[in-house]
Amino acid sequence: MSIALRRLKLILPGALIVILSLPSETFAQKEIQSFSAKNALYVEFGGSSGRYAVNYSRIVHQKGKLRLNVSGGFSLLRSSITMRDFSSTKWLPVIPLEFSALWGRSNHHLEAGVGFTSFLDQGVELDLDTYETSTKVAFGAVIPFRLGYRYQKPGGGFFYRIGYTPFFNLPVGGREDWVFTPIFAGVSFGKSF
């Protein structure tokens, strides 16, 4: 299990306990406010990006308590392979895309969504005639889901979100079947404008 996944497993329960222990008046909202700050720029750790990504999102529709949001991001992940007489390190791109629905009156929202994250992954190939090894870069993709909490003010400013983000690995890049990963989470911090 990776260090980042272990850290997320520790952060998520603590964050949920803090949020749930806030007084109920914190979440009481009298009137529905329309968002004038529809854009956001944020950093996500874990979640649909895998490890981290810088993202841009935009609220594309709002009616009553419902807001529809689309987002896209970018990150580079270091991939290293070291074998007996062979070593390779590459920085490979990750592109997370997501569509989510926000449900709430003003600052506090339930967020549910689905995404598509594409990435490049590095593997080793062995030439059976010469017994030489070389690297092979292959396309990979996952379909992440999101269920979480999002704090975002209608007029803009600091926002954060925390979510449960299980995902399916797609059968591409040499993988033969779908693989479901039920335990994964993410946290995001940024600014809406």
Protein backbone atom coordinates (compact mmCIF):
# COMPACT_ATOMS: atom_id res chain seq x y z
CA MET A 1 0.00 0.00 0.00
CA SER A 2 1.44 3.37 -0.99
CA ILE A 3 2.30 6.05 1.55
CA ALA A 4 -0.14 8.50 -0.06
CA LEU A 5 -3.01 5.99 0.27
CA ARG A 6 -2.16 5.36 3.93
CA ARG A 7 -2.14 9.11 4.58
CA LEU A 8 -5.52 9.53 2.87
CA LYS A 9 -6.96 6.71 5.01
CA LEU A 10 -5.84 8.67 8.09
CA ILE A 11 -6.97 12.11 6.85
CA LEU A 12 -10.47 11.16 5.63
CA PRO A 13 -11.90 9.80 8.93
CA GLY A 14 -10.45 12.75 10.88
CA ALA A 15 -11.89 15.30 8.47
CA LEU A 16 -15.30 13.63 8.53
CA ILE A 17 -15.31 13.64 12.36
CA VAL A 18 -14.49 17.39 12.41
CA ILE A 19 -17.24 18.19 9.88
CA LEU A 20 -19.85 16.06 11.65
CA SER A 21 -18.97 17.52 15.05
CA LEU A 22 -19.67 21.11 13.95
CA PRO A 23 -22.85 22.58 15.48
CA SER A 24 -25.95 22.02 13.36
CA GLU A 25 -26.45 25.79 13.08
CA THR A 26 -23.31 25.88 10.91
CA PHE A 27 -25.19 24.02 8.19
CA ALA A 28 -28.48 25.89 8.60
CA GLN A 29 -29.15 28.00 5.52
CA LYS A 30 -32.32 30.00 5.06
CA GLU A 31 -32.36 30.99 1.38
CA ILE A 32 -30.94 29.58 -1.82
CA GLN A 33 -28.22 31.79 -3.29
CA SER A 34 -27.22 31.89 -6.93
CA PHE A 35 -23.48 31.54 -7.58
CA SER A 36 -21.81 34.58 -9.11
CA ALA A 37 -18.37 32.95 -8.71
CA LYS A 38 -18.74 30.06 -11.15
CA ASN A 39 -15.02 29.30 -11.69
CA ALA A 40 -12.54 27.63 -9.35
CA LEU A 41 -8.84 26.84 -9.41
CA TYR A 42 -7.68 24.22 -6.92
CA VAL A 43 -5.22 21.50 -6.00
CA GLU A 44 -6.52 18.00 -5.35
CA PHE A 45 -4.67 15.33 -3.40
CA GLY A 46 -5.88 11.80 -4.10
CA GLY A 47 -9.39 11.73 -5.54
CA SER A 48 -9.92 11.43 -9.27
CA SER A 49 -6.35 12.56 -9.97
CA GLY A 50 -4.69 9.60 -8.26
CA ARG A 51 -1.96 11.41 -6.31
CA TYR A 52 -2.31 15.12 -7.03
CA ALA A 53 -3.43 17.53 -9.77
CA VAL A 54 -4.00 21.20 -10.42
CA ASN A 55 -7.60 21.63 -11.61
CA TYR A 56 -9.94 24.21 -13.08
CA SER A 57 -13.70 23.83 -12.65
CA ARG A 58 -16.78 25.72 -13.74
CA ILE A 59 -20.41 25.65 -12.66
CA VAL A 60 -22.24 25.26 -15.97
CA HIS A 61 -25.83 25.15 -14.68
CA GLN A 62 -27.66 26.17 -11.54
CA LYS A 63 -31.31 25.96 -10.60
CA GLY A 64 -32.60 26.05 -7.05
CA LYS A 65 -30.38 23.88 -4.83
CA LEU A 66 -28.80 22.05 -7.80
CA ARG A 67 -25.56 23.08 -9.49
CA LEU A 68 -23.79 21.15 -12.25
CA ASN A 69 -20.02 21.41 -12.38
CA VAL A 70 -17.35 20.28 -14.87
CA SER A 71 -13.62 20.18 -14.14
CA GLY A 72 -10.34 19.24 -15.75
CA GLY A 73 -6.82 19.03 -14.45
CA PHE A 74 -3.22 18.08 -15.06
CA SER A 75 -0.34 16.52 -13.18
CA LEU A 76 2.95 14.75 -13.83
CA LEU A 77 3.80 11.56 -12.00
CA ARG A 78 7.27 10.14 -11.67
CA SER A 79 7.58 6.53 -12.80
CA SER A 80 10.80 4.68 -11.98
CA ILE A 81 11.84 1.16 -12.88
CA THR A 82 15.06 -0.30 -11.51
CA MET A 83 16.19 -3.80 -12.27
CA ARG A 84 19.51 -5.58 -12.09
CA ASP A 85 21.26 -3.87 -15.04
CA PHE A 86 18.48 -1.53 -16.05
CA SER A 87 17.05 1.74 -14.76
CA SER A 88 14.49 4.16 -16.20
CA THR A 89 12.78 7.24 -14.77
CA LYS A 90 10.12 9.19 -16.64
CA TRP A 91 7.66 11.95 -15.79
CA LEU A 92 4.30 10.90 -17.23
CA PRO A 93 1.12 13.04 -17.60
CA VAL A 94 -2.19 12.46 -15.85
CA ILE A 95 -5.38 14.24 -17.01
CA PRO A 96 -8.43 13.99 -14.70
CA LEU A 97 -11.83 15.11 -16.07
CA GLU A 98 -14.97 15.15 -13.92
CA PHE A 99 -18.67 15.98 -14.02
CA SER A 100 -20.38 16.51 -10.67
CA ALA A 101 -23.65 17.72 -9.19
CA LEU A 102 -23.69 19.95 -6.11
CA TRP A 103 -26.78 19.96 -3.91
CA GLY A 104 -27.14 22.69 -1.29
CA ARG A 105 -28.50 26.13 -0.52
CA SER A 106 -25.53 28.43 0.00
CA ASN A 107 -22.04 27.45 1.20
CA HIS A 108 -22.46 23.75 2.06
CA HIS A 109 -23.04 21.10 -0.61
CA LEU A 110 -23.36 17.40 -1.09
CA GLU A 111 -21.25 16.55 -4.15
CA ALA A 112 -21.73 13.48 -6.35
CA GLY A 113 -19.99 12.86 -9.63
CA VAL A 114 -18.21 10.67 -12.13
CA GLY A 115 -15.03 11.21 -14.11
CA PHE A 116 -12.52 9.89 -16.59
CA THR A 117 -8.81 10.01 -15.79
CA SER A 118 -6.28 9.17 -18.48
CA PHE A 119 -2.60 8.60 -17.82
CA LEU A 120 0.55 7.08 -19.24
CA ASP A 121 2.22 4.21 -17.41
CA GLN A 122 5.69 2.74 -17.80
CA GLY A 123 6.46 -0.96 -18.04
CA VAL A 124 9.40 -3.17 -19.00
CA GLU A 125 9.61 -5.20 -22.19
CA LEU A 126 12.00 -8.12 -22.67
CA ASP A 127 13.26 -9.00 -26.16
CA LEU A 128 13.37 -12.81 -26.16
CA ASP A 129 15.89 -12.95 -29.03
CA THR A 130 18.51 -10.68 -27.46
CA TYR A 131 17.38 -10.75 -23.81
CA GLU A 132 17.60 -6.97 -23.70
CA THR A 133 15.15 -4.96 -21.64
CA SER A 134 13.55 -1.69 -22.66
CA THR A 135 10.79 0.51 -21.34
CA LYS A 136 7.31 0.58 -22.80
CA VAL A 137 4.94 3.46 -22.17
CA ALA A 138 1.27 2.47 -22.32
CA PHE A 139 -2.03 4.34 -22.07
CA GLY A 140 -4.11 3.75 -18.95
CA ALA A 141 -7.47 5.05 -17.77
CA VAL A 142 -9.75 4.91 -14.75
CA ILE A 143 -13.36 5.89 -14.11
CA PRO A 144 -13.56 7.52 -10.66
CA PHE A 145 -16.78 8.19 -8.76
CA ARG A 146 -17.23 10.90 -6.13
CA LEU A 147 -19.46 11.29 -3.08
CA GLY A 148 -18.50 14.00 -0.66
CA TYR A 149 -18.85 17.41 0.94
CA ARG A 150 -17.97 20.72 -0.74
CA TYR A 151 -17.72 24.11 0.96
CA GLN A 152 -17.94 26.95 -1.58
CA LYS A 153 -19.31 30.47 -1.09
CA PRO A 154 -21.63 31.81 -3.83
CA GLY A 155 -19.63 35.06 -4.10
CA GLY A 156 -16.22 33.38 -4.33
CA GLY A 157 -13.20 32.92 -2.12
CA PHE A 158 -11.57 29.96 -0.42
CA PHE A 159 -13.21 26.58 -0.97
CA TYR A 160 -12.47 23.00 -0.05
CA ARG A 161 -13.97 19.60 -0.57
CA ILE A 162 -13.47 16.09 0.72
CA GLY A 163 -14.78 12.97 -0.91
CA TYR A 164 -14.94 9.23 -1.16
CA THR A 165 -13.64 8.36 -4.65
CA PRO A 166 -13.70 4.64 -5.57
CA PHE A 167 -12.70 3.85 -9.15
CA PHE A 168 -12.62 1.27 -11.95
CA ASN A 169 -9.40 0.61 -13.89
CA LEU A 170 -10.32 0.22 -17.55
CA PRO A 171 -9.02 -2.77 -19.55
CA VAL A 172 -6.56 -0.76 -21.70
CA GLY A 173 -2.78 -0.63 -22.03
CA GLY A 174 -2.30 -4.38 -21.74
CA ARG A 175 -4.75 -4.87 -18.84
CA GLU A 176 -7.28 -7.58 -19.68
CA ASP A 177 -10.14 -6.95 -17.27
CA TRP A 178 -11.87 -4.28 -15.21
CA VAL A 179 -10.46 -3.80 -11.71
CA PHE A 180 -12.52 -2.06 -9.01
CA THR A 181 -10.74 -0.21 -6.16
CA PRO A 182 -13.37 0.49 -3.48
CA ILE A 183 -11.20 2.36 -0.97
CA PHE A 184 -9.90 5.72 -2.13
CA ALA A 185 -10.47 9.33 -1.10
CA GLY A 186 -9.48 12.86 -2.00
CA VAL A 187 -9.25 16.34 -0.60
CA SER A 188 -9.13 19.63 -2.54
CA PHE A 189 -8.26 23.22 -1.60
CA GLY A 190 -8.55 26.26 -3.81
CA LYS A 191 -10.24 29.52 -4.67
CA SER A 192 -13.49 30.19 -6.50
CA PHE A 193 -13.92 33.37 -8.53
